[in-house]
């Protein structure tokens, strides 16, 4: 019985001290989806990952369904207030209305966002680009290739709203 209690105490100490360190090292190297799966492995993993601010600097919704609603839900969480990267490449169900809703609430301004990937988001128009870029004044890179409905108005929105832009990928736009 004493041996079992000692083993349990050692296991508890290992989880409390070692797991957070391991998660801090491993989580930045994992794809975001894998890191999120680890949240459910144990309470120790959950606490260690949730407390790691680097994990919450990237929001990767590429190829996901209902990406617009997921984006709005994620941005309502305080942990995503310091996002640096949002990847919506080939995401489904992302439309102008999602960015317009974020803009209209006025509560969300992604001041630290540096890279926004909207590649192949066909339901985004100049209106959506205008709303999205108005939320990201310090955007440094924007990738909007293969959104065939965009016009020169999108470039005007980028120039007006994103003074720090250094990389604009519009390949495949007409």
C-alpha atoms as a PDB file:
ATOM      1  CA  UNK A   1       0.000   0.000   0.000  1.00  0.00           C
ATOM      2  CA  UNK A   2       2.836   2.379   0.871  1.00  0.00           C
ATOM      3  CA  UNK A   3       4.567   1.495  -2.394  1.00  0.00           C
ATOM      4  CA  UNK A   4       1.408   2.286  -4.355  1.00  0.00           C
ATOM      5  CA  UNK A   5       1.051   5.632  -2.579  1.00  0.00           C
ATOM      6  CA  UNK A   6       4.695   6.456  -3.284  1.00  0.00           C
ATOM      7  CA  UNK A   7       4.265   5.529  -6.953  1.00  0.00           C
ATOM      8  CA  UNK A   8       1.147   7.686  -7.195  1.00  0.00           C
ATOM      9  CA  UNK A   9       2.978  10.615  -5.579  1.00  0.00           C
ATOM     10  CA  UNK A  10       5.905  10.211  -7.983  1.00  0.00           C
ATOM     11  CA  UNK A  11       3.520  10.065 -10.928  1.00  0.00           C
ATOM     12  CA  UNK A  12       1.741  13.186  -9.670  1.00  0.00           C
ATOM     13  CA  UNK A  13       5.056  15.037  -9.317  1.00  0.00           C
ATOM     14  CA  UNK A  14       6.141  13.960 -12.803  1.00  0.00           C
ATOM     15  CA  UNK A  15       2.871  15.189 -14.299  1.00  0.00           C
ATOM     16  CA  UNK A  16       3.028  18.473 -12.414  1.00  0.00           C
ATOM     17  CA  UNK A  17       6.687  19.236 -13.215  1.00  0.00           C
ATOM     18  CA  UNK A  18       7.674  17.385 -16.378  1.00  0.00           C
ATOM     19  CA  UNK A  19       4.538  17.422 -18.537  1.00  0.00           C
ATOM     20  CA  UNK A  20       4.369  21.235 -18.723  1.00  0.00           C
ATOM     21  CA  UNK A  21       8.022  21.408 -19.799  1.00  0.00           C
ATOM     22  CA  UNK A  22       7.581  18.711 -22.418  1.00  0.00           C
ATOM     23  CA  UNK A  23       4.423  20.378 -23.751  1.00  0.00           C
ATOM     24  CA  UNK A  24       6.221  23.712 -23.954  1.00  0.00           C
ATOM     25  CA  UNK A  25       8.917  22.123 -26.103  1.00  0.00           C
ATOM     26  CA  UNK A  26       6.682  19.918 -28.236  1.00  0.00           C
ATOM     27  CA  UNK A  27       3.555  21.988 -28.841  1.00  0.00           C
ATOM     28  CA  UNK A  28       5.123  24.677 -31.073  1.00  0.00           C
ATOM     29  CA  UNK A  29       6.340  21.931 -33.399  1.00  0.00           C
ATOM     30  CA  UNK A  30       3.007  20.145 -33.677  1.00  0.00           C
ATOM     31  CA  UNK A  31       0.314  20.969 -36.177  1.00  0.00           C
ATOM     32  CA  UNK A  32      -2.415  22.878 -34.364  1.00  0.00           C
ATOM     33  CA  UNK A  33      -4.933  20.081 -34.827  1.00  0.00           C
ATOM     34  CA  UNK A  34      -2.592  17.605 -33.107  1.00  0.00           C
ATOM     35  CA  UNK A  35      -1.932  20.011 -30.256  1.00  0.00           C
ATOM     36  CA  UNK A  36      -5.677  20.418 -29.764  1.00  0.00           C
ATOM     37  CA  UNK A  37      -6.085  16.635 -29.614  1.00  0.00           C
ATOM     38  CA  UNK A  38      -3.523  16.603 -26.802  1.00  0.00           C
ATOM     39  CA  UNK A  39      -5.797  18.913 -24.812  1.00  0.00           C
ATOM     40  CA  UNK A  40      -8.043  15.927 -24.129  1.00  0.00           C
ATOM     41  CA  UNK A  41      -5.305  13.450 -23.176  1.00  0.00           C
ATOM     42  CA  UNK A  42      -5.046  14.442 -19.542  1.00  0.00           C
ATOM     43  CA  UNK A  43      -5.718  17.380 -17.253  1.00  0.00           C
ATOM     44  CA  UNK A  44      -1.961  17.953 -17.070  1.00  0.00           C
ATOM     45  CA  UNK A  45      -1.618  18.198 -20.843  1.00  0.00           C
ATOM     46  CA  UNK A  46      -4.667  20.442 -20.998  1.00  0.00           C
ATOM     47  CA  UNK A  47      -3.305  22.860 -18.387  1.00  0.00           C
ATOM     48  CA  UNK A  48       0.169  22.908 -19.919  1.00  0.00           C
ATOM     49  CA  UNK A  49      -1.098  23.548 -23.438  1.00  0.00           C
ATOM     50  CA  UNK A  50      -3.770  26.050 -22.474  1.00  0.00           C
ATOM     51  CA  UNK A  51      -1.159  28.062 -20.585  1.00  0.00           C
ATOM     52  CA  UNK A  52       1.288  28.133 -23.520  1.00  0.00           C
ATOM     53  CA  UNK A  53       0.714  31.450 -25.347  1.00  0.00           C
ATOM     54  CA  UNK A  54       2.691  30.331 -28.432  1.00  0.00           C
ATOM     55  CA  UNK A  55       0.043  27.720 -29.210  1.00  0.00           C
ATOM     56  CA  UNK A  56      -2.603  30.406 -29.552  1.00  0.00           C
ATOM     57  CA  UNK A  57      -0.657  32.614 -32.002  1.00  0.00           C
ATOM     58  CA  UNK A  58      -1.791  30.508 -34.971  1.00  0.00           C
ATOM     59  CA  UNK A  59      -5.356  29.735 -35.976  1.00  0.00           C
ATOM     60  CA  UNK A  60      -5.309  27.047 -38.653  1.00  0.00           C
ATOM     61  CA  UNK A  61      -8.715  26.416 -40.186  1.00  0.00           C
ATOM     62  CA  UNK A  62      -7.511  25.382 -43.638  1.00  0.00           C
ATOM     63  CA  UNK A  63      -9.775  22.926 -45.450  1.00  0.00           C
ATOM     64  CA  UNK A  64     -12.253  22.959 -42.555  1.00  0.00           C
ATOM     65  CA  UNK A  65     -16.008  23.029 -42.910  1.00  0.00           C
ATOM     66  CA  UNK A  66     -17.932  25.865 -41.276  1.00  0.00           C
ATOM     67  CA  UNK A  67     -14.705  27.857 -41.128  1.00  0.00           C
ATOM     68  CA  UNK A  68     -16.491  31.204 -40.872  1.00  0.00           C
ATOM     69  CA  UNK A  69     -18.387  30.232 -37.743  1.00  0.00           C
ATOM     70  CA  UNK A  70     -15.266  28.602 -36.293  1.00  0.00           C
ATOM     71  CA  UNK A  71     -13.324  31.809 -36.937  1.00  0.00           C
ATOM     72  CA  UNK A  72     -15.911  33.927 -35.145  1.00  0.00           C
ATOM     73  CA  UNK A  73     -16.060  31.483 -32.233  1.00  0.00           C
ATOM     74  CA  UNK A  74     -12.283  31.329 -31.876  1.00  0.00           C
ATOM     75  CA  UNK A  75     -11.870  35.097 -32.001  1.00  0.00           C
ATOM     76  CA  UNK A  76     -14.399  35.478 -29.208  1.00  0.00           C
ATOM     77  CA  UNK A  77     -11.928  33.689 -26.902  1.00  0.00           C
ATOM     78  CA  UNK A  78      -9.387  35.831 -25.080  1.00  0.00           C
ATOM     79  CA  UNK A  79      -6.596  33.338 -25.767  1.00  0.00           C
ATOM     80  CA  UNK A  80      -6.718  34.249 -29.473  1.00  0.00           C
ATOM     81  CA  UNK A  81      -6.249  37.993 -28.930  1.00  0.00           C
ATOM     82  CA  UNK A  82      -2.554  37.773 -29.865  1.00  0.00           C
ATOM     83  CA  UNK A  83      -2.887  35.898 -33.135  1.00  0.00           C
ATOM     84  CA  UNK A  84      -0.045  36.229 -35.600  1.00  0.00           C
ATOM     85  CA  UNK A  85      -1.280  33.826 -38.306  1.00  0.00           C
ATOM     86  CA  UNK A  86      -4.748  32.904 -39.582  1.00  0.00           C
ATOM     87  CA  UNK A  87      -4.871  30.199 -42.238  1.00  0.00           C
ATOM     88  CA  UNK A  88      -8.187  29.758 -44.036  1.00  0.00           C
ATOM     89  CA  UNK A  89      -6.757  28.261 -47.232  1.00  0.00           C
ATOM     90  CA  UNK A  90      -9.377  26.139 -49.021  1.00  0.00           C
ATOM     91  CA  UNK A  91     -11.671  26.557 -46.007  1.00  0.00           C
ATOM     92  CA  UNK A  92     -15.338  25.930 -46.619  1.00  0.00           C
ATOM     93  CA  UNK A  93     -18.207  28.173 -45.626  1.00  0.00           C
ATOM     94  CA  UNK A  94     -16.124  31.319 -45.137  1.00  0.00           C
ATOM     95  CA  UNK A  95     -17.888  34.330 -46.604  1.00  0.00           C
ATOM     96  CA  UNK A  96     -17.872  38.127 -46.572  1.00  0.00           C
ATOM     97  CA  UNK A  97     -20.552  38.106 -43.880  1.00  0.00           C
ATOM     98  CA  UNK A  98     -18.183  36.534 -41.367  1.00  0.00           C
ATOM     99  CA  UNK A  99     -15.621  39.312 -41.704  1.00  0.00           C
ATOM    100  CA  UNK A 100     -18.380  41.916 -41.782  1.00  0.00           C
ATOM    101  CA  UNK A 101     -19.798  40.525 -38.540  1.00  0.00           C
ATOM    102  CA  UNK A 102     -16.366  40.693 -36.897  1.00  0.00           C
ATOM    103  CA  UNK A 103     -15.950  44.268 -38.094  1.00  0.00           C
ATOM    104  CA  UNK A 104     -19.425  45.343 -37.017  1.00  0.00           C
ATOM    105  CA  UNK A 105     -18.997  44.072 -33.469  1.00  0.00           C
ATOM    106  CA  UNK A 106     -16.057  46.427 -33.101  1.00  0.00           C
ATOM    107  CA  UNK A 107     -14.760  44.303 -30.252  1.00  0.00           C
ATOM    108  CA  UNK A 108     -12.189  42.469 -32.343  1.00  0.00           C
ATOM    109  CA  UNK A 109      -9.124  44.106 -33.788  1.00  0.00           C
ATOM    110  CA  UNK A 110      -6.302  41.773 -34.729  1.00  0.00           C
ATOM    111  CA  UNK A 111      -3.474  44.227 -34.192  1.00  0.00           C
ATOM    112  CA  UNK A 112      -0.789  41.540 -33.958  1.00  0.00           C
ATOM    113  CA  UNK A 113      -1.901  39.534 -36.992  1.00  0.00           C
ATOM    114  CA  UNK A 114       0.964  39.348 -39.486  1.00  0.00           C
ATOM    115  CA  UNK A 115      -0.229  36.747 -42.014  1.00  0.00           C
ATOM    116  CA  UNK A 116      -3.705  36.048 -43.366  1.00  0.00           C
ATOM    117  CA  UNK A 117      -4.193  33.228 -45.855  1.00  0.00           C
ATOM    118  CA  UNK A 118      -7.492  33.287 -47.738  1.00  0.00           C
ATOM    119  CA  UNK A 119      -6.305  31.250 -50.720  1.00  0.00           C
ATOM    120  CA  UNK A 120      -9.161  29.736 -52.725  1.00  0.00           C
ATOM    121  CA  UNK A 121     -11.894  31.118 -50.458  1.00  0.00           C
ATOM    122  CA  UNK A 122     -14.230  31.650 -53.404  1.00  0.00           C
ATOM    123  CA  UNK A 123     -17.064  33.202 -51.396  1.00  0.00           C
ATOM    124  CA  UNK A 124     -14.888  36.150 -50.383  1.00  0.00           C
ATOM    125  CA  UNK A 125     -15.312  39.290 -52.486  1.00  0.00           C
ATOM    126  CA  UNK A 126     -13.873  42.799 -52.398  1.00  0.00           C
ATOM    127  CA  UNK A 127     -16.278  43.541 -49.532  1.00  0.00           C
ATOM    128  CA  UNK A 128     -14.848  40.703 -47.453  1.00  0.00           C
ATOM    129  CA  UNK A 129     -11.276  41.753 -48.212  1.00  0.00           C
ATOM    130  CA  UNK A 130     -12.155  45.286 -47.104  1.00  0.00           C
ATOM    131  CA  UNK A 131     -13.632  44.065 -43.833  1.00  0.00           C
ATOM    132  CA  UNK A 132     -10.814  41.583 -43.191  1.00  0.00           C
ATOM    133  CA  UNK A 133      -8.014  44.069 -43.840  1.00  0.00           C
ATOM    134  CA  UNK A 134      -9.688  46.701 -41.663  1.00  0.00           C
ATOM    135  CA  UNK A 135      -9.360  44.270 -38.740  1.00  0.00           C
ATOM    136  CA  UNK A 136      -5.628  43.737 -39.324  1.00  0.00           C
ATOM    137  CA  UNK A 137      -3.807  47.089 -39.507  1.00  0.00           C
ATOM    138  CA  UNK A 138      -0.359  45.528 -39.030  1.00  0.00           C
ATOM    139  CA  UNK A 139      -0.757  42.740 -41.562  1.00  0.00           C
ATOM    140  CA  UNK A 140       2.555  42.012 -43.271  1.00  0.00           C
ATOM    141  CA  UNK A 141       1.492  39.226 -45.640  1.00  0.00           C
ATOM    142  CA  UNK A 142      -1.812  38.490 -47.343  1.00  0.00           C
ATOM    143  CA  UNK A 143      -2.372  35.545 -49.626  1.00  0.00           C
ATOM    144  CA  UNK A 144      -5.550  35.632 -51.696  1.00  0.00           C
ATOM    145  CA  UNK A 145      -4.630  33.577 -54.738  1.00  0.00           C
ATOM    146  CA  UNK A 146      -7.301  31.886 -56.752  1.00  0.00           C
ATOM    147  CA  UNK A 147     -10.170  34.089 -55.598  1.00  0.00           C
ATOM    148  CA  UNK A 148     -11.369  34.849 -59.093  1.00  0.00           C
ATOM    149  CA  UNK A 149     -14.037  37.413 -58.183  1.00  0.00           C
ATOM    150  CA  UNK A 150     -11.674  39.995 -56.710  1.00  0.00           C
ATOM    151  CA  UNK A 151     -11.101  43.314 -58.452  1.00  0.00           C
ATOM    152  CA  UNK A 152      -8.819  46.314 -58.064  1.00  0.00           C
ATOM    153  CA  UNK A 153     -10.981  47.348 -55.104  1.00  0.00           C
ATOM    154  CA  UNK A 154      -9.317  44.605 -53.047  1.00  0.00           C
ATOM    155  CA  UNK A 155      -5.903  46.103 -53.727  1.00  0.00           C
ATOM    156  CA  UNK A 156      -7.255  49.499 -52.685  1.00  0.00           C
ATOM    157  CA  UNK A 157      -8.481  48.001 -49.390  1.00  0.00           C
ATOM    158  CA  UNK A 158      -5.085  46.434 -48.733  1.00  0.00           C
ATOM    159  CA  UNK A 159      -3.216  49.664 -49.480  1.00  0.00           C
ATOM    160  CA  UNK A 160      -5.607  51.721 -47.353  1.00  0.00           C
ATOM    161  CA  UNK A 161      -5.816  49.375 -44.357  1.00  0.00           C
ATOM    162  CA  UNK A 162      -2.491  47.535 -44.194  1.00  0.00           C
ATOM    163  CA  UNK A 163       0.418  49.979 -44.153  1.00  0.00           C
ATOM    164  CA  UNK A 164       2.902  47.263 -43.100  1.00  0.00           C
ATOM    165  CA  UNK A 165       2.165  44.893 -45.992  1.00  0.00           C
ATOM    166  CA  UNK A 166       5.283  43.496 -47.675  1.00  0.00           C
ATOM    167  CA  UNK A 167       3.915  40.332 -49.293  1.00  0.00           C
ATOM    168  CA  UNK A 168       0.710  40.205 -51.322  1.00  0.00           C
ATOM    169  CA  UNK A 169      -0.055  37.041 -53.284  1.00  0.00           C
ATOM    170  CA  UNK A 170      -2.866  37.543 -55.772  1.00  0.00           C
ATOM    171  CA  UNK A 171      -1.916  34.823 -58.256  1.00  0.00           C
ATOM    172  CA  UNK A 172      -4.913  33.520 -60.134  1.00  0.00           C
ATOM    173  CA  UNK A 173      -7.099  36.541 -59.385  1.00  0.00           C
ATOM    174  CA  UNK A 174      -8.596  38.216 -62.449  1.00  0.00           C
END
